[in-house]
Amino acid sequence: NGVLVFNHTTLADAAAEFNRYNKRKLVIGDPAVASLEIGGPFQANSIEAFTDVAQHILQLHVAYRGNDIVITR
């Protein structure tokens, strides 16, 4: 029903799931960031909720480059 549920899921795997459902693509630009884990439910079409968690909870940098959203430390 349009909800992605993550439980100890790496950011790389979560980004890959979001990328299946969105035109804008999440790119994890740092291997150390890719292995960080995330949990919780997200609307599949709400990529902004994911980037908000990355910025405000995980204290990561989010950059918008064309259709890509690049997440780094």
C-alpha atoms as a PDB file:
ATOM      1  CA  ASN A   1       0.000   0.000   0.000  1.00  0.00           C
ATOM      2  CA  GLY A   2       2.829   2.376  -0.846  1.00  0.00           C
ATOM      3  CA  VAL A   3       4.765   2.108   2.414  1.00  0.00           C
ATOM      4  CA  LEU A   4       8.398   1.058   2.688  1.00  0.00           C
ATOM      5  CA  VAL A   5       9.293  -0.369   6.100  1.00  0.00           C
ATOM      6  CA  PHE A   6      12.951  -0.500   7.053  1.00  0.00           C
ATOM      7  CA  ASN A   7      14.345  -2.387  10.040  1.00  0.00           C
ATOM      8  CA  HIS A   8      18.118  -2.125  10.513  1.00  0.00           C
ATOM      9  CA  THR A   9      18.371  -1.477   6.767  1.00  0.00           C
ATOM     10  CA  THR A  10      21.520   0.091   5.347  1.00  0.00           C
ATOM     11  CA  LEU A  11      21.126   3.473   3.685  1.00  0.00           C
ATOM     12  CA  ALA A  12      22.365   1.911   0.450  1.00  0.00           C
ATOM     13  CA  ASP A  13      19.564  -0.679   0.493  1.00  0.00           C
ATOM     14  CA  ALA A  14      16.946   1.865   1.546  1.00  0.00           C
ATOM     15  CA  ALA A  15      18.037   4.218  -1.242  1.00  0.00           C
ATOM     16  CA  ALA A  16      17.772   1.391  -3.764  1.00  0.00           C
ATOM     17  CA  GLU A  17      14.175   0.745  -2.641  1.00  0.00           C
ATOM     18  CA  PHE A  18      13.240   4.426  -2.908  1.00  0.00           C
ATOM     19  CA  ASN A  19      14.861   4.558  -6.351  1.00  0.00           C
ATOM     20  CA  ARG A  20      12.462   1.867  -7.576  1.00  0.00           C
ATOM     21  CA  TYR A  21       9.493   4.182  -6.930  1.00  0.00           C
ATOM     22  CA  ASN A  22      10.754   7.693  -7.687  1.00  0.00           C
ATOM     23  CA  LYS A  23      12.005   9.638 -10.699  1.00  0.00           C
ATOM     24  CA  ARG A  24      14.501  11.514  -8.526  1.00  0.00           C
ATOM     25  CA  LYS A  25      17.259   9.127  -7.512  1.00  0.00           C
ATOM     26  CA  LEU A  26      19.049   8.855  -4.191  1.00  0.00           C
ATOM     27  CA  VAL A  27      22.800   8.481  -4.505  1.00  0.00           C
ATOM     28  CA  ILE A  28      24.856   7.534  -1.459  1.00  0.00           C
ATOM     29  CA  GLY A  29      28.131   9.295  -2.179  1.00  0.00           C
ATOM     30  CA  ASP A  30      30.246   7.791   0.599  1.00  0.00           C
ATOM     31  CA  PRO A  31      30.828   4.080   1.427  1.00  0.00           C
ATOM     32  CA  ALA A  32      30.813   4.833   5.173  1.00  0.00           C
ATOM     33  CA  VAL A  33      27.411   6.477   4.828  1.00  0.00           C
ATOM     34  CA  ALA A  34      26.095   3.588   2.717  1.00  0.00           C
ATOM     35  CA  SER A  35      26.586   1.179   5.624  1.00  0.00           C
ATOM     36  CA  LEU A  36      24.686   3.318   8.183  1.00  0.00           C
ATOM     37  CA  GLU A  37      21.373   1.775   9.211  1.00  0.00           C
ATOM     38  CA  ILE A  38      17.897   3.247   9.231  1.00  0.00           C
ATOM     39  CA  GLY A  39      14.539   2.033  10.470  1.00  0.00           C
ATOM     40  CA  GLY A  40      10.885   2.964  10.287  1.00  0.00           C
ATOM     41  CA  PRO A  41       8.064   3.341   7.794  1.00  0.00           C
ATOM     42  CA  PHE A  42       8.238   5.757   4.863  1.00  0.00           C
ATOM     43  CA  GLN A  43       5.789   6.524   2.089  1.00  0.00           C
ATOM     44  CA  ALA A  44       7.412   5.164  -1.083  1.00  0.00           C
ATOM     45  CA  ASN A  45       6.786   8.442  -2.912  1.00  0.00           C
ATOM     46  CA  SER A  46       8.032  10.652  -0.055  1.00  0.00           C
ATOM     47  CA  ILE A  47      11.734  10.843  -0.771  1.00  0.00           C
ATOM     48  CA  GLU A  48      11.745  14.105   1.228  1.00  0.00           C
ATOM     49  CA  ALA A  49      10.971  12.227   4.453  1.00  0.00           C
ATOM     50  CA  PHE A  50      14.025  10.047   3.867  1.00  0.00           C
ATOM     51  CA  THR A  51      16.291  13.019   3.172  1.00  0.00           C
ATOM     52  CA  ASP A  52      14.918  14.801   6.263  1.00  0.00           C
ATOM     53  CA  VAL A  53      15.967  11.836   8.421  1.00  0.00           C
ATOM     54  CA  ALA A  54      19.368  11.782   6.721  1.00  0.00           C
ATOM     55  CA  GLN A  55      19.894  15.487   7.452  1.00  0.00           C
ATOM     56  CA  HIS A  56      18.305  15.989  10.838  1.00  0.00           C
ATOM     57  CA  ILE A  57      18.698  12.626  12.566  1.00  0.00           C
ATOM     58  CA  LEU A  58      21.855  11.207  10.979  1.00  0.00           C
ATOM     59  CA  GLN A  59      23.463  14.647  10.492  1.00  0.00           C
ATOM     60  CA  LEU A  60      24.353  13.934   6.838  1.00  0.00           C
ATOM     61  CA  HIS A  61      24.709  16.370   3.960  1.00  0.00           C
ATOM     62  CA  VAL A  62      22.054  16.285   1.229  1.00  0.00           C
ATOM     63  CA  ALA A  63      22.777  17.928  -2.135  1.00  0.00           C
ATOM     64  CA  TYR A  64      20.366  18.233  -5.049  1.00  0.00           C
ATOM     65  CA  ARG A  65      22.051  17.739  -8.429  1.00  0.00           C
ATOM     66  CA  GLY A  66      19.590  17.558 -11.291  1.00  0.00           C
ATOM     67  CA  ASN A  67      17.491  14.424 -10.788  1.00  0.00           C
ATOM     68  CA  ASP A  68      19.957  13.042  -8.231  1.00  0.00           C
ATOM     69  CA  ILE A  69      19.895  13.597  -4.487  1.00  0.00           C
ATOM     70  CA  VAL A  70      23.406  12.933  -3.177  1.00  0.00           C
ATOM     71  CA  ILE A  71      23.856  12.005   0.484  1.00  0.00           C
ATOM     72  CA  THR A  72      27.319  12.308   2.034  1.00  0.00           C
ATOM     73  CA  ARG A  73      28.897  12.891   5.412  1.00  0.00           C
END
